[in-house]
């Protein structure tokens, strides 16, 4: 599976989640057997998490 296909799959699964929380991202990461940073990147949250982590 290439990166674009993986992102489509991640986004498809993410849209099923109502009111997603950090735990949901972790569960999705485990379900699809990918690193959580890839999940964040595919759903467009990577920059936000990087910003929050850098400010801690």
PDB file of N, CA and C in Angstrom:
ATOM      1  N   UNK A   1       0.860  -1.167   0.000  1.00  0.00           N
ATOM      2  CA  UNK A   1       0.000   0.000   0.000  1.00  0.00           C
ATOM      3  C   UNK A   1       0.909   1.234   0.000  1.00  0.00           C
ATOM      4  N   UNK A   2       0.626   2.177  -0.885  1.00  0.00           N
ATOM      5  CA  UNK A   2       1.430   3.393  -0.912  1.00  0.00           C
ATOM      6  C   UNK A   2       0.864   4.428   0.073  1.00  0.00           C
ATOM      7  N   UNK A   3       1.584   5.547   0.208  1.00  0.00           N
ATOM      8  CA  UNK A   3       1.222   6.563   1.195  1.00  0.00           C
ATOM      9  C   UNK A   3      -0.167   7.151   0.940  1.00  0.00           C
ATOM     10  N   UNK A   4      -0.500   7.433  -0.304  1.00  0.00           N
ATOM     11  CA  UNK A   4      -1.821   8.000  -0.626  1.00  0.00           C
ATOM     12  C   UNK A   4      -2.945   7.043  -0.276  1.00  0.00           C
ATOM     13  N   UNK A   5      -2.759   5.774  -0.573  1.00  0.00           N
ATOM     14  CA  UNK A   5      -3.773   4.770  -0.226  1.00  0.00           C
ATOM     15  C   UNK A   5      -3.924   4.662   1.290  1.00  0.00           C
ATOM     16  N   UNK A   6      -2.792   4.704   1.994  1.00  0.00           N
ATOM     17  CA  UNK A   6      -2.827   4.647   3.451  1.00  0.00           C
ATOM     18  C   UNK A   6      -3.575   5.844   4.020  1.00  0.00           C
ATOM     19  N   UNK A   7      -3.314   7.026   3.492  1.00  0.00           N
ATOM     20  CA  UNK A   7      -4.007   8.233   3.963  1.00  0.00           C
ATOM     21  C   UNK A   7      -5.506   8.153   3.705  1.00  0.00           C
ATOM     22  N   UNK A   8      -5.892   7.625   2.566  1.00  0.00           N
ATOM     23  CA  UNK A   8      -7.319   7.465   2.270  1.00  0.00           C
ATOM     24  C   UNK A   8      -7.962   6.526   3.281  1.00  0.00           C
ATOM     25  N   UNK A   9      -7.275   5.435   3.600  1.00  0.00           N
ATOM     26  CA  UNK A   9      -7.803   4.464   4.562  1.00  0.00           C
ATOM     27  C   UNK A   9      -7.896   5.090   5.953  1.00  0.00           C
ATOM     28  N   UNK A  10      -6.855   5.812   6.359  1.00  0.00           N
ATOM     29  CA  UNK A  10      -6.854   6.471   7.665  1.00  0.00           C
ATOM     30  C   UNK A  10      -7.977   7.493   7.748  1.00  0.00           C
ATOM     31  N   UNK A  11      -8.129   8.317   6.722  1.00  0.00           N
ATOM     32  CA  UNK A  11      -9.191   9.323   6.721  1.00  0.00           C
ATOM     33  C   UNK A  11     -10.576   8.697   6.726  1.00  0.00           C
ATOM     34  N   UNK A  12     -10.742   7.595   6.016  1.00  0.00           N
ATOM     35  CA  UNK A  12     -12.021   6.888   6.002  1.00  0.00           C
ATOM     36  C   UNK A  12     -12.369   6.416   7.408  1.00  0.00           C
ATOM     37  N   UNK A  13     -11.405   5.810   8.089  1.00  0.00           N
ATOM     38  CA  UNK A  13     -11.631   5.316   9.452  1.00  0.00           C
ATOM     39  C   UNK A  13     -11.824   6.473  10.430  1.00  0.00           C
ATOM     40  N   UNK A  14     -11.076   7.556  10.245  1.00  0.00           N
ATOM     41  CA  UNK A  14     -11.164   8.703  11.141  1.00  0.00           C
ATOM     42  C   UNK A  14     -12.537   9.369  11.071  1.00  0.00           C
ATOM     43  N   UNK A  15     -13.098   9.435   9.876  1.00  0.00           N
ATOM     44  CA  UNK A  15     -14.423  10.066   9.713  1.00  0.00           C
ATOM     45  C   UNK A  15     -15.521   9.294  10.444  1.00  0.00           C
ATOM     46  N   UNK A  16     -15.311   8.035  10.727  1.00  0.00           N
ATOM     47  CA  UNK A  16     -16.293   7.231  11.456  1.00  0.00           C
ATOM     48  C   UNK A  16     -16.358   7.602  12.938  1.00  0.00           C
ATOM     49  N   UNK A  17     -15.305   8.252  13.437  1.00  0.00           N
ATOM     50  CA  UNK A  17     -15.205   8.559  14.862  1.00  0.00           C
ATOM     51  C   UNK A  17     -15.926   9.873  15.153  1.00  0.00           C
ATOM     52  N   UNK A  18     -16.845   9.820  16.078  1.00  0.00           N
ATOM     53  CA  UNK A  18     -17.549  11.032  16.501  1.00  0.00           C
ATOM     54  C   UNK A  18     -16.790  11.625  17.681  1.00  0.00           C
ATOM     55  N   UNK A  19     -16.492  12.917  17.609  1.00  0.00           N
ATOM     56  CA  UNK A  19     -15.769  13.627  18.660  1.00  0.00           C
ATOM     57  C   UNK A  19     -14.455  12.912  19.018  1.00  0.00           C
ATOM     58  N   UNK A  20     -13.517  12.838  18.069  1.00  0.00           N
ATOM     59  CA  UNK A  20     -12.274  12.102  18.297  1.00  0.00           C
ATOM     60  C   UNK A  20     -11.396  12.711  19.393  1.00  0.00           C
ATOM     61  N   UNK A  21     -10.757  11.841  20.136  1.00  0.00           N
ATOM     62  CA  UNK A  21      -9.830  12.211  21.196  1.00  0.00           C
ATOM     63  C   UNK A  21      -8.476  11.575  20.891  1.00  0.00           C
ATOM     64  N   UNK A  22      -7.461  11.905  21.685  1.00  0.00           N
ATOM     65  CA  UNK A  22      -6.127  11.351  21.492  1.00  0.00           C
ATOM     66  C   UNK A  22      -6.158   9.825  21.532  1.00  0.00           C
ATOM     67  N   UNK A  23      -6.955   9.261  22.444  1.00  0.00           N
ATOM     68  CA  UNK A  23      -7.057   7.800  22.536  1.00  0.00           C
ATOM     69  C   UNK A  23      -7.538   7.197  21.219  1.00  0.00           C
ATOM     70  N   UNK A  24      -8.420   7.897  20.524  1.00  0.00           N
ATOM     71  CA  UNK A  24      -8.943   7.398  19.251  1.00  0.00           C
ATOM     72  C   UNK A  24      -7.846   7.356  18.198  1.00  0.00           C
ATOM     73  N   UNK A  25      -6.957   8.347  18.208  1.00  0.00           N
ATOM     74  CA  UNK A  25      -5.839   8.347  17.271  1.00  0.00           C
ATOM     75  C   UNK A  25      -4.900   7.182  17.565  1.00  0.00           C
ATOM     76  N   UNK A  26      -4.688   6.914  18.844  1.00  0.00           N
ATOM     77  CA  UNK A  26      -3.837   5.795  19.237  1.00  0.00           C
ATOM     78  C   UNK A  26      -4.457   4.461  18.813  1.00  0.00           C
ATOM     79  N   UNK A  27      -5.750   4.329  19.003  1.00  0.00           N
ATOM     80  CA  UNK A  27      -6.449   3.107  18.594  1.00  0.00           C
ATOM     81  C   UNK A  27      -6.373   2.914  17.084  1.00  0.00           C
ATOM     82  N   UNK A  28      -6.558   3.993  16.342  1.00  0.00           N
ATOM     83  CA  UNK A  28      -6.483   3.939  14.885  1.00  0.00           C
ATOM     84  C   UNK A  28      -5.074   3.550  14.436  1.00  0.00           C
ATOM     85  N   UNK A  29      -4.088   4.083  15.116  1.00  0.00           N
ATOM     86  CA  UNK A  29      -2.693   3.748  14.821  1.00  0.00           C
ATOM     87  C   UNK A  29      -2.448   2.255  15.005  1.00  0.00           C
ATOM     88  N   UNK A  30      -2.941   1.716  16.094  1.00  0.00           N
ATOM     89  CA  UNK A  30      -2.774   0.277  16.363  1.00  0.00           C
ATOM     90  C   UNK A  30      -3.582  -0.561  15.390  1.00  0.00           C
ATOM     91  N   UNK A  31      -4.798  -0.137  15.107  1.00  0.00           N
ATOM     92  CA  UNK A  31      -5.667  -0.889  14.199  1.00  0.00           C
ATOM     93  C   UNK A  31      -5.040  -1.028  12.819  1.00  0.00           C
ATOM     94  N   UNK A  32      -4.443   0.048  12.322  1.00  0.00           N
ATOM     95  CA  UNK A  32      -3.866   0.034  10.977  1.00  0.00           C
ATOM     96  C   UNK A  32      -2.371  -0.285  10.983  1.00  0.00           C
ATOM     97  N   UNK A  33      -1.820  -0.511  12.177  1.00  0.00           N
ATOM     98  CA  UNK A  33      -0.414  -0.880  12.346  1.00  0.00           C
ATOM     99  C   UNK A  33       0.531   0.139  11.714  1.00  0.00           C
ATOM    100  N   UNK A  34       0.293   1.414  12.049  1.00  0.00           N
ATOM    101  CA  UNK A  34       1.167   2.500  11.598  1.00  0.00           C
ATOM    102  C   UNK A  34       1.475   3.394  12.795  1.00  0.00           C
ATOM    103  N   UNK A  35       2.565   4.118  12.706  1.00  0.00           N
ATOM    104  CA  UNK A  35       2.945   5.030  13.771  1.00  0.00           C
ATOM    105  C   UNK A  35       1.909   6.143  13.894  1.00  0.00           C
ATOM    106  N   UNK A  36       1.693   6.598  15.113  1.00  0.00           N
ATOM    107  CA  UNK A  36       0.684   7.636  15.344  1.00  0.00           C
ATOM    108  C   UNK A  36       1.024   8.930  14.606  1.00  0.00           C
ATOM    109  N   UNK A  37       2.300   9.198  14.381  1.00  0.00           N
ATOM    110  CA  UNK A  37       2.670  10.418  13.645  1.00  0.00           C
ATOM    111  C   UNK A  37       2.167  10.368  12.206  1.00  0.00           C
ATOM    112  N   UNK A  38       2.094   9.182  11.632  1.00  0.00           N
ATOM    113  CA  UNK A  38       1.556   9.028  10.272  1.00  0.00           C
ATOM    114  C   UNK A  38       0.054   9.298  10.282  1.00  0.00           C
ATOM    115  N   UNK A  39      -0.632   8.806  11.302  1.00  0.00           N
ATOM    116  CA  UNK A  39      -2.070   9.065  11.433  1.00  0.00           C
ATOM    117  C   UNK A  39      -2.308  10.568  11.537  1.00  0.00           C
ATOM    118  N   UNK A  40      -1.540  11.235  12.396  1.00  0.00           N
ATOM    119  CA  UNK A  40      -1.692  12.690  12.554  1.00  0.00           C
ATOM    120  C   UNK A  40      -1.430  13.419  11.243  1.00  0.00           C
ATOM    121  N   UNK A  41      -0.405  12.990  10.531  1.00  0.00           N
ATOM    122  CA  UNK A  41      -0.064  13.634   9.261  1.00  0.00           C
ATOM    123  C   UNK A  41      -1.186  13.467   8.243  1.00  0.00           C
ATOM    124  N   UNK A  42      -1.724  12.277   8.134  1.00  0.00           N
ATOM    125  CA  UNK A  42      -2.762  11.996   7.135  1.00  0.00           C
ATOM    126  C   UNK A  42      -4.071  12.726   7.418  1.00  0.00           C
ATOM    127  N   UNK A  43      -4.380  12.946   8.685  1.00  0.00           N
ATOM    128  CA  UNK A  43      -5.636  13.635   8.989  1.00  0.00           C
ATOM    129  C   UNK A  43      -5.436  15.136   9.167  1.00  0.00           C
ATOM    130  N   UNK A  44      -4.200  15.593   9.006  1.00  0.00           N
ATOM    131  CA  UNK A  44      -3.931  17.025   9.024  1.00  0.00           C
ATOM    132  C   UNK A  44      -3.680  17.628  10.390  1.00  0.00           C
ATOM    133  N   UNK A  45      -3.331  16.799  11.368  1.00  0.00           N
ATOM    134  CA  UNK A  45      -3.090  17.312  12.708  1.00  0.00           C
ATOM    135  C   UNK A  45      -1.612  17.345  13.095  1.00  0.00           C
ATOM    136  N   UNK A  46      -0.741  16.909  12.208  1.00  0.00           N
ATOM    137  CA  UNK A  46       0.676  16.814  12.547  1.00  0.00           C
ATOM    138  C   UNK A  46       1.256  18.167  12.949  1.00  0.00           C
ATOM    139  N   UNK A  47       0.998  19.202  12.183  1.00  0.00           N
ATOM    140  CA  UNK A  47       1.544  20.525  12.492  1.00  0.00           C
ATOM    141  C   UNK A  47       1.044  21.031  13.841  1.00  0.00           C
ATOM    142  N   UNK A  48      -0.222  20.803  14.126  1.00  0.00           N
ATOM    143  CA  UNK A  48      -0.781  21.257  15.401  1.00  0.00           C
ATOM    144  C   UNK A  48      -0.108  20.531  16.565  1.00  0.00           C
ATOM    145  N   UNK A  49       0.053  19.215  16.463  1.00  0.00           N
ATOM    146  CA  UNK A  49       0.700  18.458  17.528  1.00  0.00           C
ATOM    147  C   UNK A  49       2.167  18.849  17.660  1.00  0.00           C
ATOM    148  N   UNK A  50       2.860  19.057  16.553  1.00  0.00           N
ATOM    149  CA  UNK A  50       4.256  19.486  16.598  1.00  0.00           C
ATOM    150  C   UNK A  50       4.373  20.834  17.304  1.00  0.00           C
ATOM    151  N   UNK A  51       3.448  21.736  17.030  1.00  0.00           N
ATOM    152  CA  UNK A  51       3.443  23.052  17.658  1.00  0.00           C
ATOM    153  C   UNK A  51       3.213  22.928  19.168  1.00  0.00           C
ATOM    154  N   UNK A  52       2.235  22.119  19.555  1.00  0.00           N
ATOM    155  CA  UNK A  52       1.932  21.949  20.975  1.00  0.00           C
ATOM    156  C   UNK A  52       3.092  21.292  21.713  1.00  0.00           C
ATOM    157  N   UNK A  53       3.711  20.307  21.110  1.00  0.00           N
ATOM    158  CA  UNK A  53       4.826  19.609  21.739  1.00  0.00           C
ATOM    159  C   UNK A  53       6.026  20.533  21.863  1.00  0.00           C
ATOM    160  N   UNK A  54       6.300  21.329  20.840  1.00  0.00           N
ATOM    161  CA  UNK A  54       7.431  22.251  20.872  1.00  0.00           C
ATOM    162  C   UNK A  54       7.248  23.346  21.928  1.00  0.00           C
ATOM    163  N   UNK A  55       6.015  23.693  22.231  1.00  0.00           N
ATOM    164  CA  UNK A  55       5.755  24.737  23.205  1.00  0.00           C
ATOM    165  C   UNK A  55       5.771  24.227  24.640  1.00  0.00           C
ATOM    166  N   UNK A  56       5.819  22.921  24.831  1.00  0.00           N
ATOM    167  CA  UNK A  56       5.862  22.357  26.201  1.00  0.00           C
ATOM    168  C   UNK A  56       7.189  22.471  26.800  1.00  0.00           C
TER     169      UNK A  56
END
